[in-house]
Amino acid sequence: MKGFLITFEGIEGSGKSTQASLLASHLKEKGYEIVVTREPGGTRIGELIRNITHGRENVDLTAVTEAYLMAASRAQLVREIIRPALGNGKIVIVDRFLDSSLAYQGYGRELGEETIWHLNHLAIDNVKPDLTILLDVSPDIGFARRNGTDKIDRLDLQQKDFYERVYNGYKKLAEKYKDRYFVVDSSKPIEEVAEKIWKEVKKRISTKF
């Protein structure tokens, strides 16, 4: 495909949405055509699914059901938004993608990385990130940031050991797929993190555009 897919990953409170927005603004200023979206969500169907997966009242949602719902939202997003944009040569920025399922359902819910890959094979339709930016922040810092907001959802209500597994899962993924991963310490000031991300993105897209 002609475009370039950038995904942002990290635990709650890592600053993904903020950094994705800052990168999008920078790319727009430089004249690039971009599309910004998120998971789960990004489409009408995806947002309906997000209401289920993130609704605080849905404490009875099982790990397997959660995994299938995430894959369903992803399947819709790939076909409705991501693949068409990439086909038109645009840079696509996604707040979470397949690696979130690998980390959260694979490691956090302990369903296994291989199981999540298998479940998502059809969903991603062979669409894979060109660059994955992992905002590395400890669960303690992430939770401290989230507790200062009014955006607490179902996933924020999980036990600390769950987030420790997710965090360690991300570390394993970053090591396993180091060619496409860029890990940045997001405990640093927002502007400093954004500058590091921009330098890496500029280097990567220079070979594509």
N, C-alpha and C. Protein backbone atom coordinates (compact mmCIF):
# COMPACT_ATOMS: atom_id res chain seq x y z
N MET A 1 0.83 -1.20 0.00
CA MET A 1 0.00 0.00 0.00
C MET A 1 0.86 1.25 0.00
N LYS A 2 0.30 2.34 -0.49
CA LYS A 2 1.07 3.55 -0.70
C LYS A 2 1.23 4.41 0.55
N GLY A 3 0.33 4.25 1.52
CA GLY A 3 0.35 5.10 2.70
C GLY A 3 1.32 4.63 3.77
N PHE A 4 1.14 5.17 4.99
CA PHE A 4 2.03 4.85 6.10
C PHE A 4 1.18 4.78 7.36
N LEU A 5 1.24 3.65 8.06
CA LEU A 5 0.41 3.43 9.24
C LEU A 5 1.23 3.55 10.52
N ILE A 6 0.83 4.51 11.36
CA ILE A 6 1.49 4.74 12.66
C ILE A 6 0.49 4.40 13.76
N THR A 7 0.89 3.54 14.67
CA THR A 7 0.02 3.20 15.79
C THR A 7 0.66 3.65 17.10
N PHE A 8 -0.18 4.13 18.01
CA PHE A 8 0.27 4.51 19.35
C PHE A 8 -0.21 3.46 20.34
N GLU A 9 0.70 3.02 21.20
CA GLU A 9 0.38 2.01 22.19
C GLU A 9 0.86 2.43 23.58
N GLY A 10 0.29 1.80 24.59
CA GLY A 10 0.68 2.09 25.97
C GLY A 10 -0.48 1.85 26.92
N ILE A 11 -0.18 1.79 28.19
CA ILE A 11 -1.23 1.57 29.19
C ILE A 11 -2.03 2.85 29.40
N GLU A 12 -3.10 2.75 30.17
CA GLU A 12 -3.90 3.92 30.51
C GLU A 12 -3.02 4.97 31.20
N GLY A 13 -3.20 6.22 30.79
CA GLY A 13 -2.43 7.30 31.40
C GLY A 13 -1.06 7.51 30.80
N SER A 14 -0.75 6.80 29.71
CA SER A 14 0.58 6.93 29.11
C SER A 14 0.70 8.15 28.20
N GLY A 15 -0.45 8.73 27.82
CA GLY A 15 -0.42 9.93 27.00
C GLY A 15 -0.59 9.69 25.51
N LYS A 16 -1.15 8.54 25.15
CA LYS A 16 -1.31 8.20 23.73
C LYS A 16 -2.13 9.23 22.95
N SER A 17 -3.29 9.54 23.47
CA SER A 17 -4.19 10.45 22.75
C SER A 17 -3.56 11.82 22.56
N THR A 18 -2.90 12.30 23.60
CA THR A 18 -2.24 13.61 23.53
C THR A 18 -1.14 13.61 22.49
N GLN A 19 -0.30 12.58 22.51
CA GLN A 19 0.83 12.53 21.58
C GLN A 19 0.36 12.26 20.15
N ALA A 20 -0.69 11.48 19.98
CA ALA A 20 -1.23 11.24 18.64
C ALA A 20 -1.74 12.54 18.05
N SER A 21 -2.41 13.33 18.87
CA SER A 21 -2.94 14.62 18.42
C SER A 21 -1.82 15.60 18.06
N LEU A 22 -0.78 15.64 18.88
CA LEU A 22 0.36 16.53 18.61
C LEU A 22 1.08 16.13 17.33
N LEU A 23 1.26 14.84 17.12
CA LEU A 23 1.92 14.38 15.90
C LEU A 23 1.06 14.71 14.68
N ALA A 24 -0.25 14.51 14.80
CA ALA A 24 -1.15 14.82 13.70
C ALA A 24 -1.05 16.30 13.31
N SER A 25 -1.01 17.17 14.30
CA SER A 25 -0.90 18.61 14.04
C SER A 25 0.40 18.94 13.34
N HIS A 26 1.47 18.30 13.76
CA HIS A 26 2.79 18.55 13.17
C HIS A 26 2.82 18.10 11.71
N LEU A 27 2.26 16.93 11.45
CA LEU A 27 2.23 16.41 10.08
C LEU A 27 1.37 17.29 9.17
N LYS A 28 0.26 17.76 9.69
CA LYS A 28 -0.61 18.66 8.91
C LYS A 28 0.12 19.94 8.55
N GLU A 29 0.87 20.48 9.51
CA GLU A 29 1.63 21.71 9.27
C GLU A 29 2.67 21.51 8.17
N LYS A 30 3.17 20.28 8.06
CA LYS A 30 4.17 19.98 7.04
C LYS A 30 3.54 19.61 5.69
N GLY A 31 2.22 19.63 5.65
CA GLY A 31 1.53 19.40 4.38
C GLY A 31 1.17 17.97 4.06
N TYR A 32 1.31 17.06 5.02
CA TYR A 32 0.95 15.66 4.76
C TYR A 32 -0.56 15.46 4.89
N GLU A 33 -1.08 14.56 4.08
CA GLU A 33 -2.48 14.16 4.20
C GLU A 33 -2.57 13.06 5.25
N ILE A 34 -3.36 13.29 6.28
CA ILE A 34 -3.41 12.33 7.37
C ILE A 34 -4.84 12.00 7.76
N VAL A 35 -4.97 10.85 8.39
CA VAL A 35 -6.23 10.41 8.98
C VAL A 35 -5.92 9.98 10.41
N VAL A 36 -6.69 10.45 11.37
CA VAL A 36 -6.49 10.09 12.77
C VAL A 36 -7.73 9.35 13.28
N THR A 37 -7.52 8.21 13.92
CA THR A 37 -8.66 7.44 14.42
C THR A 37 -8.24 6.70 15.68
N ARG A 38 -9.15 5.88 16.20
CA ARG A 38 -8.84 5.19 17.46
C ARG A 38 -9.50 3.82 17.51
N GLU A 39 -9.01 3.03 18.46
CA GLU A 39 -9.58 1.71 18.75
C GLU A 39 -9.83 1.56 20.25
N PRO A 40 -10.87 0.79 20.64
CA PRO A 40 -11.98 0.46 19.76
C PRO A 40 -12.75 1.73 19.45
N GLY A 41 -13.37 1.77 18.28
CA GLY A 41 -14.09 2.95 17.86
C GLY A 41 -13.68 3.37 16.46
N GLY A 42 -13.80 4.67 16.19
CA GLY A 42 -13.38 5.20 14.91
C GLY A 42 -14.41 5.10 13.79
N THR A 43 -15.41 4.27 13.99
CA THR A 43 -16.52 4.11 13.04
C THR A 43 -17.81 4.06 13.85
N ARG A 44 -18.95 4.16 13.19
CA ARG A 44 -20.22 4.09 13.92
C ARG A 44 -20.33 2.76 14.67
N ILE A 45 -20.03 1.67 13.96
CA ILE A 45 -20.10 0.35 14.58
C ILE A 45 -19.07 0.23 15.71
N GLY A 46 -17.85 0.72 15.45
CA GLY A 46 -16.79 0.64 16.44
C GLY A 46 -17.11 1.39 17.72
N GLU A 47 -17.76 2.55 17.59
CA GLU A 47 -18.10 3.32 18.79
C GLU A 47 -19.19 2.62 19.60
N LEU A 48 -20.09 1.93 18.93
CA LEU A 48 -21.09 1.14 19.65
C LEU A 48 -20.41 0.02 20.44
N ILE A 49 -19.42 -0.60 19.81
CA ILE A 49 -18.66 -1.65 20.51
C ILE A 49 -17.89 -1.07 21.68
N ARG A 50 -17.33 0.11 21.50
CA ARG A 50 -16.57 0.75 22.58
C ARG A 50 -17.46 1.01 23.81
N ASN A 51 -18.71 1.37 23.55
CA ASN A 51 -19.63 1.59 24.66
C ASN A 51 -19.80 0.33 25.50
N ILE A 52 -19.68 -0.83 24.85
CA ILE A 52 -19.79 -2.09 25.58
C ILE A 52 -18.48 -2.40 26.32
N THR A 53 -17.36 -2.34 25.60
CA THR A 53 -16.08 -2.73 26.20
C THR A 53 -15.61 -1.78 27.30
N HIS A 54 -16.01 -0.51 27.21
CA HIS A 54 -15.54 0.47 28.17
C HIS A 54 -16.59 0.90 29.19
N GLY A 55 -17.84 0.45 29.00
CA GLY A 55 -18.90 0.82 29.93
C GLY A 55 -18.65 0.27 31.32
N ARG A 56 -18.67 1.14 32.32
CA ARG A 56 -18.36 0.72 33.69
C ARG A 56 -19.36 -0.29 34.23
N GLU A 57 -20.56 -0.30 33.64
CA GLU A 57 -21.59 -1.22 34.12
C GLU A 57 -21.37 -2.65 33.62
N ASN A 58 -20.49 -2.82 32.65
CA ASN A 58 -20.31 -4.15 32.04
C ASN A 58 -19.19 -4.96 32.71
N VAL A 59 -19.28 -5.06 34.00
CA VAL A 59 -18.26 -5.79 34.75
C VAL A 59 -18.32 -7.30 34.50
N ASP A 60 -19.45 -7.76 33.95
CA ASP A 60 -19.61 -9.19 33.68
C ASP A 60 -19.11 -9.60 32.30
N LEU A 61 -18.51 -8.67 31.57
CA LEU A 61 -17.96 -8.98 30.25
C LEU A 61 -16.78 -9.93 30.40
N THR A 62 -16.84 -11.09 29.75
CA THR A 62 -15.77 -12.07 29.91
C THR A 62 -14.55 -11.71 29.05
N ALA A 63 -13.42 -12.28 29.37
CA ALA A 63 -12.18 -12.01 28.64
C ALA A 63 -12.29 -12.40 27.17
N VAL A 64 -12.90 -13.54 26.91
CA VAL A 64 -13.04 -14.01 25.52
C VAL A 64 -13.97 -13.10 24.74
N THR A 65 -15.09 -12.73 25.34
CA THR A 65 -16.03 -11.82 24.68
C THR A 65 -15.35 -10.49 24.38
N GLU A 66 -14.60 -9.98 25.34
CA GLU A 66 -13.86 -8.74 25.16
C GLU A 66 -12.91 -8.83 23.97
N ALA A 67 -12.21 -9.94 23.87
CA ALA A 67 -11.25 -10.13 22.78
C ALA A 67 -11.94 -10.13 21.42
N TYR A 68 -13.09 -10.79 21.33
CA TYR A 68 -13.84 -10.82 20.07
C TYR A 68 -14.40 -9.45 19.72
N LEU A 69 -14.86 -8.71 20.71
CA LEU A 69 -15.40 -7.38 20.46
C LEU A 69 -14.31 -6.43 19.96
N MET A 70 -13.12 -6.51 20.53
CA MET A 70 -12.01 -5.67 20.08
C MET A 70 -11.66 -6.00 18.63
N ALA A 71 -11.66 -7.29 18.31
CA ALA A 71 -11.35 -7.71 16.94
C ALA A 71 -12.44 -7.26 15.97
N ALA A 72 -13.69 -7.28 16.41
CA ALA A 72 -14.80 -6.85 15.57
C ALA A 72 -14.70 -5.36 15.24
N SER A 73 -14.41 -4.56 16.25
CA SER A 73 -14.23 -3.12 16.02
C SER A 73 -13.07 -2.87 15.07
N ARG A 74 -12.01 -3.63 15.24
CA ARG A 74 -10.81 -3.51 14.38
C ARG A 74 -11.13 -3.88 12.94
N ALA A 75 -11.89 -4.93 12.74
CA ALA A 75 -12.26 -5.36 11.39
C ALA A 75 -13.03 -4.26 10.66
N GLN A 76 -13.93 -3.60 11.37
CA GLN A 76 -14.71 -2.50 10.78
C GLN A 76 -13.82 -1.31 10.45
N LEU A 77 -12.93 -0.98 11.37
CA LEU A 77 -12.04 0.17 11.19
C LEU A 77 -11.09 -0.04 10.02
N VAL A 78 -10.53 -1.23 9.91
CA VAL A 78 -9.60 -1.54 8.81
C VAL A 78 -10.29 -1.36 7.47
N ARG A 79 -11.47 -1.89 7.35
CA ARG A 79 -12.15 -1.87 6.05
C ARG A 79 -12.81 -0.53 5.72
N GLU A 80 -13.27 0.16 6.74
CA GLU A 80 -13.99 1.42 6.50
C GLU A 80 -13.06 2.63 6.45
N ILE A 81 -12.01 2.62 7.24
CA ILE A 81 -11.15 3.80 7.37
C ILE A 81 -9.70 3.57 6.96
N ILE A 82 -9.04 2.59 7.60
CA ILE A 82 -7.59 2.46 7.46
C ILE A 82 -7.16 2.05 6.06
N ARG A 83 -7.68 0.94 5.56
CA ARG A 83 -7.24 0.45 4.24
C ARG A 83 -7.52 1.47 3.13
N PRO A 84 -8.71 2.08 3.06
CA PRO A 84 -8.95 3.08 2.01
C PRO A 84 -7.98 4.27 2.10
N ALA A 85 -7.70 4.74 3.32
CA ALA A 85 -6.79 5.87 3.48
C ALA A 85 -5.37 5.52 3.05
N LEU A 86 -4.91 4.34 3.42
CA LEU A 86 -3.58 3.90 3.02
C LEU A 86 -3.51 3.76 1.50
N GLY A 87 -4.58 3.25 0.93
CA GLY A 87 -4.64 3.09 -0.52
C GLY A 87 -4.56 4.41 -1.26
N ASN A 88 -4.98 5.49 -0.59
CA ASN A 88 -4.90 6.83 -1.17
C ASN A 88 -3.63 7.56 -0.81
N GLY A 89 -2.68 6.83 -0.23
CA GLY A 89 -1.37 7.40 0.06
C GLY A 89 -1.31 8.29 1.29
N LYS A 90 -2.26 8.16 2.19
CA LYS A 90 -2.29 9.01 3.37
C LYS A 90 -1.53 8.38 4.54
N ILE A 91 -1.12 9.24 5.48
CA ILE A 91 -0.54 8.76 6.73
C ILE A 91 -1.70 8.55 7.70
N VAL A 92 -1.80 7.36 8.24
CA VAL A 92 -2.88 7.03 9.17
C VAL A 92 -2.30 6.88 10.57
N ILE A 93 -2.88 7.60 11.52
CA ILE A 93 -2.47 7.53 12.92
C ILE A 93 -3.60 6.88 13.71
N VAL A 94 -3.30 5.78 14.39
CA VAL A 94 -4.32 5.07 15.16
C VAL A 94 -3.93 5.00 16.63
N ASP A 95 -4.82 5.47 17.48
CA ASP A 95 -4.66 5.36 18.93
C ASP A 95 -5.10 3.95 19.31
N ARG A 96 -4.15 3.02 19.37
CA ARG A 96 -4.30 1.58 19.62
C ARG A 96 -4.61 0.82 18.33
N PHE A 97 -4.04 -0.39 18.25
CA PHE A 97 -4.31 -1.30 17.15
C PHE A 97 -4.12 -2.72 17.68
N LEU A 98 -3.69 -3.64 16.86
CA LEU A 98 -3.61 -5.05 17.24
C LEU A 98 -2.75 -5.27 18.49
N ASP A 99 -1.67 -4.51 18.63
CA ASP A 99 -0.79 -4.72 19.79
C ASP A 99 -1.52 -4.51 21.12
N SER A 100 -2.55 -3.67 21.11
CA SER A 100 -3.33 -3.49 22.34
C SER A 100 -4.02 -4.78 22.72
N SER A 101 -4.56 -5.49 21.74
CA SER A 101 -5.20 -6.77 22.04
C SER A 101 -4.18 -7.81 22.51
N LEU A 102 -3.01 -7.79 21.87
CA LEU A 102 -1.96 -8.71 22.31
C LEU A 102 -1.56 -8.44 23.76
N ALA A 103 -1.45 -7.17 24.11
CA ALA A 103 -1.03 -6.79 25.47
C ALA A 103 -2.16 -6.98 26.49
N TYR A 104 -3.35 -6.47 26.15
CA TYR A 104 -4.45 -6.48 27.12
C TYR A 104 -5.15 -7.83 27.23
N GLN A 105 -5.54 -8.39 26.09
CA GLN A 105 -6.24 -9.68 26.17
C GLN A 105 -5.25 -10.86 26.17
N GLY A 106 -4.17 -10.72 25.40
CA GLY A 106 -3.18 -11.79 25.35
C GLY A 106 -2.43 -11.97 26.65
N TYR A 107 -1.88 -10.85 27.15
CA TYR A 107 -1.09 -10.91 28.40
C TYR A 107 -1.91 -10.53 29.63
N GLY A 108 -2.63 -9.42 29.55
CA GLY A 108 -3.41 -8.97 30.70
C GLY A 108 -4.48 -9.97 31.12
N ARG A 109 -5.27 -10.43 30.14
CA ARG A 109 -6.32 -11.43 30.42
C ARG A 109 -5.79 -12.85 30.37
N GLU A 110 -4.54 -12.99 29.99
CA GLU A 110 -3.85 -14.29 29.95
C GLU A 110 -4.49 -15.28 28.97
N LEU A 111 -5.00 -14.75 27.84
CA LEU A 111 -5.52 -15.62 26.79
C LEU A 111 -4.40 -16.13 25.88
N GLY A 112 -3.25 -15.47 25.92
CA GLY A 112 -2.12 -15.91 25.13
C GLY A 112 -1.95 -15.12 23.84
N GLU A 113 -0.72 -14.78 23.53
CA GLU A 113 -0.42 -14.00 22.33
C GLU A 113 -0.85 -14.73 21.06
N GLU A 114 -0.57 -16.01 20.99
CA GLU A 114 -0.89 -16.78 19.78
C GLU A 114 -2.40 -16.83 19.55
N THR A 115 -3.17 -16.97 20.62
CA THR A 115 -4.63 -17.00 20.51
C THR A 115 -5.16 -15.69 19.93
N ILE A 116 -4.62 -14.56 20.41
CA ILE A 116 -5.09 -13.25 19.93
C ILE A 116 -4.68 -13.02 18.48
N TRP A 117 -3.47 -13.45 18.11
CA TRP A 117 -3.05 -13.35 16.71
C TRP A 117 -4.03 -14.13 15.81
N HIS A 118 -4.35 -15.34 16.23
CA HIS A 118 -5.24 -16.20 15.44
C HIS A 118 -6.62 -15.56 15.30
N LEU A 119 -7.13 -15.02 16.40
CA LEU A 119 -8.45 -14.41 16.40
C LEU A 119 -8.51 -13.18 15.50
N ASN A 120 -7.41 -12.45 15.40
CA ASN A 120 -7.36 -11.19 14.65
C ASN A 120 -6.89 -11.33 13.21
N HIS A 121 -6.55 -12.54 12.79
CA HIS A 121 -6.02 -12.74 11.44
C HIS A 121 -6.96 -12.19 10.37
N LEU A 122 -8.21 -12.52 10.47
CA LEU A 122 -9.19 -12.05 9.49
C LEU A 122 -9.50 -10.56 9.71
N ALA A 123 -9.51 -10.13 10.96
CA ALA A 123 -9.87 -8.75 11.29
C ALA A 123 -8.93 -7.73 10.65
N ILE A 124 -7.63 -7.98 10.73
CA ILE A 124 -6.67 -6.97 10.24
C ILE A 124 -6.47 -7.03 8.73
N ASP A 125 -6.88 -8.13 8.10
CA ASP A 125 -6.82 -8.25 6.64
C ASP A 125 -5.43 -7.90 6.10
N ASN A 126 -4.43 -8.39 6.81
CA ASN A 126 -3.01 -8.20 6.42
C ASN A 126 -2.54 -6.75 6.51
N VAL A 127 -3.29 -5.90 7.20
CA VAL A 127 -2.85 -4.52 7.43
C VAL A 127 -1.99 -4.50 8.71
N LYS A 128 -0.76 -4.04 8.58
CA LYS A 128 0.16 -4.01 9.72
C LYS A 128 0.81 -2.64 9.83
N PRO A 129 1.12 -2.20 11.05
CA PRO A 129 1.74 -0.89 11.24
C PRO A 129 3.13 -0.80 10.61
N ASP A 130 3.44 0.36 10.06
CA ASP A 130 4.81 0.64 9.61
C ASP A 130 5.66 1.08 10.79
N LEU A 131 5.01 1.72 11.76
CA LEU A 131 5.69 2.22 12.96
C LEU A 131 4.74 2.13 14.13
N THR A 132 5.20 1.55 15.23
CA THR A 132 4.42 1.50 16.46
C THR A 132 5.17 2.28 17.53
N ILE A 133 4.53 3.30 18.07
CA ILE A 133 5.13 4.14 19.10
C ILE A 133 4.58 3.70 20.46
N LEU A 134 5.46 3.16 21.28
CA LEU A 134 5.07 2.71 22.62
C LEU A 134 5.44 3.78 23.63
N LEU A 135 4.43 4.35 24.27
CA LEU A 135 4.65 5.35 25.31
C LEU A 135 4.84 4.61 26.62
N ASP A 136 6.06 4.55 27.04
CA ASP A 136 6.48 3.73 28.17
C ASP A 136 6.35 4.51 29.49
N VAL A 137 5.39 4.10 30.29
CA VAL A 137 5.22 4.69 31.61
C VAL A 137 4.74 3.59 32.56
N SER A 138 5.20 3.62 33.78
CA SER A 138 4.85 2.58 34.73
C SER A 138 3.36 2.64 35.08
N PRO A 139 2.78 1.49 35.45
CA PRO A 139 1.37 1.49 35.85
C PRO A 139 1.06 2.47 36.97
N ASP A 140 1.98 2.64 37.91
CA ASP A 140 1.75 3.57 39.03
C ASP A 140 1.57 5.00 38.52
N ILE A 141 2.43 5.42 37.61
CA ILE A 141 2.33 6.78 37.07
C ILE A 141 1.08 6.91 36.21
N GLY A 142 0.81 5.89 35.41
CA GLY A 142 -0.37 5.91 34.56
C GLY A 142 -1.65 6.07 35.37
N PHE A 143 -1.75 5.30 36.45
CA PHE A 143 -2.94 5.37 37.28
C PHE A 143 -3.05 6.72 37.99
N ALA A 144 -1.93 7.25 38.42
CA ALA A 144 -1.95 8.56 39.08
C ALA A 144 -2.48 9.63 38.13
N ARG A 145 -2.11 9.53 36.87
CA ARG A 145 -2.61 10.49 35.87
C ARG A 145 -4.10 10.31 35.64
N ARG A 146 -4.56 9.08 35.53
CA ARG A 146 -5.96 8.82 35.25
C ARG A 146 -6.85 9.21 36.42
N ASN A 147 -6.36 9.04 37.62
CA ASN A 147 -7.17 9.35 38.80
C ASN A 147 -7.44 10.85 38.93
N GLY A 148 -6.68 11.63 38.19
CA GLY A 148 -6.89 13.08 38.23
C GLY A 148 -7.86 13.55 37.17
N THR A 149 -8.55 12.61 36.50
CA THR A 149 -9.50 12.96 35.45
C THR A 149 -10.88 12.40 35.77
N ASP A 150 -11.85 12.77 34.94
CA ASP A 150 -13.20 12.24 35.11
C ASP A 150 -13.52 11.22 34.02
N LYS A 151 -12.46 10.60 33.45
CA LYS A 151 -12.64 9.70 32.33
C LYS A 151 -12.47 8.23 32.73
N ILE A 152 -12.68 7.92 33.98
CA ILE A 152 -12.51 6.54 34.44
C ILE A 152 -13.55 5.63 33.77
N ASP A 153 -13.07 4.57 33.11
CA ASP A 153 -13.98 3.62 32.46
C ASP A 153 -13.74 2.21 32.99
N ARG A 154 -14.39 1.25 32.37
CA ARG A 154 -14.31 -0.14 32.85
C ARG A 154 -12.88 -0.65 32.91
N LEU A 155 -12.05 -0.32 31.91
CA LEU A 155 -10.69 -0.82 31.90
C LEU A 155 -9.83 -0.18 32.98
N ASP A 156 -10.21 0.99 33.44
CA ASP A 156 -9.47 1.63 34.53
C ASP A 156 -9.75 0.97 35.88
N LEU A 157 -10.79 0.15 35.93
CA LEU A 157 -11.20 -0.45 37.19
C LEU A 157 -10.54 -1.80 37.45
N GLN A 158 -9.63 -2.22 36.55
CA GLN A 158 -8.97 -3.52 36.71
C GLN A 158 -7.95 -3.47 37.85
N GLN A 159 -7.62 -4.63 38.36
CA GLN A 159 -6.65 -4.72 39.45
C GLN A 159 -5.23 -4.41 38.97
N LYS A 160 -4.39 -4.01 39.90
CA LYS A 160 -3.03 -3.60 39.56
C LYS A 160 -2.25 -4.72 38.87
N ASP A 161 -2.44 -5.97 39.31
CA ASP A 161 -1.67 -7.06 38.70
C ASP A 161 -2.02 -7.24 37.23
N PHE A 162 -3.25 -6.90 36.85
CA PHE A 162 -3.65 -6.94 35.44
C PHE A 162 -2.79 -5.97 34.65
N TYR A 163 -2.64 -4.76 35.14
CA TYR A 163 -1.85 -3.75 34.42
C TYR A 163 -0.36 -4.04 34.44
N GLU A 164 0.08 -4.73 35.44
CA GLU A 164 1.48 -5.17 35.45
C GLU A 164 1.71 -6.17 34.32
N ARG A 165 0.77 -7.07 34.11
CA ARG A 165 0.88 -8.04 33.02
C ARG A 165 0.82 -7.34 31.67
N VAL A 166 -0.07 -6.36 31.54
CA VAL A 166 -0.18 -5.60 30.29
C VAL A 166 1.12 -4.87 30.00
N TYR A 167 1.64 -4.20 31.02
CA TYR A 167 2.89 -3.45 30.87
C TYR A 167 4.03 -4.36 30.45
N ASN A 168 4.16 -5.49 31.12
CA ASN A 168 5.23 -6.44 30.78
C ASN A 168 4.99 -7.04 29.39
N GLY A 169 3.73 -7.21 29.02
CA GLY A 169 3.41 -7.70 27.68
C GLY A 169 3.89 -6.74 26.61
N TYR A 170 3.67 -5.46 26.83
CA TYR A 170 4.15 -4.46 25.88
C TYR A 170 5.67 -4.51 25.74
N LYS A 171 6.35 -4.70 26.85
CA LYS A 171 7.82 -4.79 26.82
C LYS A 171 8.28 -5.97 25.96
N LYS A 172 7.58 -7.08 26.10
CA LYS A 172 7.92 -8.27 25.30
C LYS A 172 7.65 -8.03 23.82
N LEU A 173 6.55 -7.37 23.52
CA LEU A 173 6.21 -7.07 22.12
C LEU A 173 7.22 -6.12 21.50
N ALA A 174 7.65 -5.12 22.27
CA ALA A 174 8.63 -4.15 21.78
C ALA A 174 9.96 -4.82 21.45
N GLU A 175 10.31 -5.81 22.23
CA GLU A 175 11.55 -6.54 21.99
C GLU A 175 11.40 -7.49 20.80
N LYS A 176 10.25 -8.10 20.70
CA LYS A 176 9.99 -9.08 19.64
C LYS A 176 9.88 -8.41 18.27
N TYR A 177 9.28 -7.22 18.24
CA TYR A 177 9.07 -6.51 16.98
C TYR A 177 9.83 -5.19 16.97
N LYS A 178 11.08 -5.26 17.34
CA LYS A 178 11.87 -4.04 17.55
C LYS A 178 12.06 -3.22 16.27
N ASP A 179 11.95 -3.84 15.10
CA ASP A 179 12.13 -3.09 13.86
C ASP A 179 11.04 -2.05 13.64
N ARG A 180 9.83 -2.34 14.10
CA ARG A 180 8.75 -1.37 13.90
C ARG A 180 8.40 -0.60 15.17
N TYR A 181 8.95 -0.99 16.30
CA TYR A 181 8.65 -0.31 17.56
C TYR A 181 9.62 0.85 17.82
N PHE A 182 9.07 1.95 18.33
CA PHE A 182 9.86 3.04 18.86
C PHE A 182 9.35 3.30 20.28
N VAL A 183 10.20 3.05 21.26
CA VAL A 183 9.81 3.18 22.67
C VAL A 183 10.32 4.50 23.22
N VAL A 184 9.40 5.26 23.82
CA VAL A 184 9.78 6.56 24.37
C VAL A 184 9.27 6.67 25.80
N ASP A 185 10.11 7.19 26.68
CA ASP A 185 9.76 7.37 28.09
C ASP A 185 8.75 8.51 28.21
N SER A 186 7.47 8.15 28.44
CA SER A 186 6.43 9.18 28.47
C SER A 186 6.19 9.74 29.86
N SER A 187 7.11 9.45 30.80
CA SER A 187 7.05 10.12 32.09
C SER A 187 7.69 11.51 32.00
N LYS A 188 8.37 11.75 30.89
CA LYS A 188 9.03 13.03 30.63
C LYS A 188 7.98 14.08 30.24
N PRO A 189 8.36 15.36 30.22
CA PRO A 189 7.43 16.42 29.81
C PRO A 189 6.84 16.17 28.43
N ILE A 190 5.59 16.57 28.24
CA ILE A 190 4.87 16.34 27.00
C ILE A 190 5.63 16.83 25.78
N GLU A 191 6.18 18.03 25.85
CA GLU A 191 6.90 18.62 24.71
C GLU A 191 8.14 17.82 24.35
N GLU A 192 8.83 17.33 25.36
CA GLU A 192 10.05 16.53 25.14
C GLU A 192 9.71 15.21 24.46
N VAL A 193 8.63 14.58 24.92
CA VAL A 193 8.19 13.32 24.32
C VAL A 193 7.77 13.55 22.87
N ALA A 194 7.03 14.62 22.64
CA ALA A 194 6.55 14.93 21.29
C ALA A 194 7.70 15.17 20.32
N GLU A 195 8.74 15.82 20.79
CA GLU A 195 9.90 16.10 19.94
C GLU A 195 10.62 14.81 19.55
N LYS A 196 10.76 13.90 20.50
CA LYS A 196 11.41 12.62 20.20
C LYS A 196 10.60 11.82 19.19
N ILE A 197 9.28 11.85 19.36
CA ILE A 197 8.41 11.13 18.43
C ILE A 197 8.51 11.74 17.04
N TRP A 198 8.50 13.06 16.96
CA TRP A 198 8.57 13.72 15.66
C TRP A 198 9.86 13.38 14.92
N LYS A 199 10.96 13.36 15.62
CA LYS A 199 12.25 13.04 15.00
C LYS A 199 12.22 11.62 14.41
N GLU A 200 11.64 10.69 15.15
CA GLU A 200 11.58 9.31 14.68
C GLU A 200 10.64 9.19 13.48
N VAL A 201 9.48 9.83 13.56
CA VAL A 201 8.52 9.76 12.47
C VAL A 201 9.09 10.39 11.21
N LYS A 202 9.74 11.53 11.35
CA LYS A 202 10.35 12.22 10.20
C LYS A 202 11.36 11.34 9.52
N LYS A 203 12.14 10.62 10.31
CA LYS A 203 13.16 9.71 9.77
C LYS A 203 12.49 8.55 9.01
N ARG A 204 11.43 8.01 9.58
CA ARG A 204 10.77 6.85 8.98
C ARG A 204 10.03 7.21 7.68
N ILE A 205 9.32 8.32 7.70
CA ILE A 205 8.51 8.66 6.52
C ILE A 205 9.36 9.23 5.38
N SER A 206 10.57 9.64 5.70
CA SER A 206 11.44 10.19 4.65
C SER A 206 11.79 9.14 3.59
N THR A 207 11.72 7.88 3.99
CA THR A 207 12.01 6.79 3.05
C THR A 207 10.78 6.36 2.26
N LYS A 208 9.62 6.91 2.64
CA LYS A 208 8.35 6.50 2.03
C LYS A 208 7.75 7.56 1.13
N PHE A 209 7.92 8.82 1.53
CA PHE A 209 7.29 9.92 0.78
C PHE A 209 8.33 10.82 0.12
